[in-house]
Amino acid sequence: MTVNERIKQVRASLNLSQINFSRGIHLSNGYYANMELGNKKANERIIELISSVYGVNKNWLVSGEGKMFSREPDKRLEELIINFNSLNRHFQDFLLDQIKGLVKIQNNKETK
């Protein structure tokens, strides 16, 4: 099995469409679709992104050895990443500020 075939297997096991999977790793859907077809190669950056975003064991992705996932995928985190990546830069910055504010509020409540 090739790296590209393993990437497709990851996407299928996460039950994500090509569009949503490619958004999560900042690739155009066209490039990603061609990658699944074997027309484009998965470079080191793409492999790193898939590993970090979707919790995939990098060794498995490259060589097929070991378990597919290095950690259990967190569906909420995946959904957050996909939606975040679909926002324009202005809204991404706004959302990050909101999250930082919520963390600050939570930390203040926990210290009281």
Protein backbone atom coordinates (compact mmCIF):
# COMPACT_ATOMS: atom_id res chain seq x y z
CA MET A 1 0.00 0.00 0.00
CA THR A 2 1.34 3.47 -0.88
CA VAL A 3 1.41 6.57 1.31
CA ASN A 4 -1.41 8.02 -0.79
CA GLU A 5 -3.52 4.89 -0.27
CA ARG A 6 -2.89 5.06 3.49
CA ILE A 7 -3.95 8.71 3.51
CA LYS A 8 -7.19 7.73 1.79
CA GLN A 9 -7.63 4.97 4.38
CA VAL A 10 -7.21 7.52 7.19
CA ARG A 11 -9.85 9.78 5.65
CA ALA A 12 -12.25 6.87 5.25
CA SER A 13 -11.70 5.68 8.82
CA LEU A 14 -12.47 9.19 10.08
CA ASN A 15 -15.61 9.19 7.95
CA LEU A 16 -14.69 12.55 6.38
CA SER A 17 -15.36 13.75 2.87
CA GLN A 18 -12.42 14.72 0.68
CA ILE A 19 -13.44 18.36 1.07
CA ASN A 20 -13.52 18.30 4.87
CA PHE A 21 -10.33 16.26 5.17
CA SER A 22 -8.44 18.55 2.80
CA ARG A 23 -9.65 21.66 4.63
CA GLY A 24 -8.26 20.29 7.86
CA ILE A 25 -4.78 20.12 6.35
CA HIS A 26 -4.97 23.33 4.29
CA LEU A 27 -5.02 21.69 0.86
CA SER A 28 -7.26 22.51 -2.07
CA ASN A 29 -9.80 19.80 -2.72
CA GLY A 30 -8.43 19.37 -6.24
CA TYR A 31 -4.89 18.76 -5.04
CA TYR A 32 -6.11 16.34 -2.39
CA ALA A 33 -8.31 14.43 -4.85
CA ASN A 34 -5.32 14.06 -7.19
CA MET A 35 -3.25 12.85 -4.27
CA GLU A 36 -5.76 10.10 -3.52
CA LEU A 37 -5.68 9.13 -7.19
CA GLY A 38 -1.89 8.91 -7.05
CA ASN A 39 -1.35 11.85 -9.41
CA LYS A 40 0.24 14.01 -6.69
CA LYS A 41 2.72 13.04 -3.98
CA ALA A 42 2.23 13.65 -0.30
CA ASN A 43 5.23 15.74 0.72
CA GLU A 44 6.72 15.95 4.23
CA ARG A 45 4.58 18.98 5.15
CA ILE A 46 1.37 17.17 4.22
CA ILE A 47 2.42 14.07 6.16
CA GLU A 48 3.24 16.22 9.22
CA LEU A 49 -0.13 18.00 9.00
CA ILE A 50 -2.09 14.76 8.71
CA SER A 51 -0.17 13.35 11.65
CA SER A 52 -0.69 16.37 13.90
CA VAL A 53 -4.23 17.34 12.88
CA TYR A 54 -5.76 13.87 12.76
CA GLY A 55 -3.55 12.05 15.30
CA VAL A 56 -2.12 9.67 12.72
CA ASN A 57 1.03 7.70 13.49
CA LYS A 58 3.59 9.23 11.11
CA ASN A 59 5.55 5.98 10.92
CA TRP A 60 2.42 4.11 9.84
CA LEU A 61 1.62 6.77 7.26
CA VAL A 62 5.09 6.56 5.70
CA SER A 63 5.87 2.85 6.03
CA GLY A 64 2.65 1.09 6.99
CA GLU A 65 4.23 -0.16 10.23
CA GLY A 66 2.51 0.17 13.58
CA LYS A 67 -0.98 1.42 14.36
CA MET A 68 -2.81 3.92 12.18
CA PHE A 69 -3.49 6.36 15.00
CA SER A 70 -1.01 7.59 17.56
CA ARG A 71 -3.93 8.80 19.65
CA GLU A 72 -7.66 8.44 19.47
CA PRO A 73 -9.10 11.08 17.15
CA ASP A 74 -11.07 13.78 18.94
CA LYS A 75 -14.12 14.42 16.76
CA ARG A 76 -14.75 17.82 18.38
CA LEU A 77 -11.20 18.93 17.64
CA GLU A 78 -11.47 17.72 14.05
CA GLU A 79 -14.74 19.63 13.62
CA LEU A 80 -13.18 22.75 15.14
CA ILE A 81 -10.16 22.58 12.83
CA ILE A 82 -12.25 22.02 9.72
CA ASN A 83 -14.58 24.90 10.55
CA PHE A 84 -11.71 27.18 11.59
CA ASN A 85 -9.91 26.55 8.31
CA SER A 86 -13.04 27.42 6.34
CA LEU A 87 -13.12 30.93 7.89
CA ASN A 88 -11.34 33.90 6.37
CA ARG A 89 -8.32 35.35 8.22
CA HIS A 90 -10.36 38.11 9.91
CA PHE A 91 -12.81 35.65 11.45
CA GLN A 92 -10.00 33.26 12.42
CA ASP A 93 -8.32 36.07 14.37
CA PHE A 94 -11.64 36.99 15.98
CA LEU A 95 -12.28 33.39 17.00
CA LEU A 96 -8.80 33.04 18.51
CA ASP A 97 -9.37 36.17 20.59
CA GLN A 98 -12.70 34.77 21.81
CA ILE A 99 -11.12 31.46 22.78
CA LYS A 100 -8.33 33.23 24.68
CA GLY A 101 -10.96 35.27 26.52
CA LEU A 102 -12.92 32.15 27.46
CA VAL A 103 -9.78 30.41 28.74
CA LYS A 104 -8.98 33.46 30.86
CA ILE A 105 -12.50 33.48 32.34
CA GLN A 106 -12.31 29.75 33.04
CA ASN A 107 -8.91 30.06 34.70
CA ASN A 108 -10.13 32.93 36.89
CA LYS A 109 -13.14 30.87 38.05
CA GLU A 110 -10.94 27.85 38.81
CA THR A 111 -8.58 29.86 41.02
CA LYS A 112 -11.38 31.23 43.21
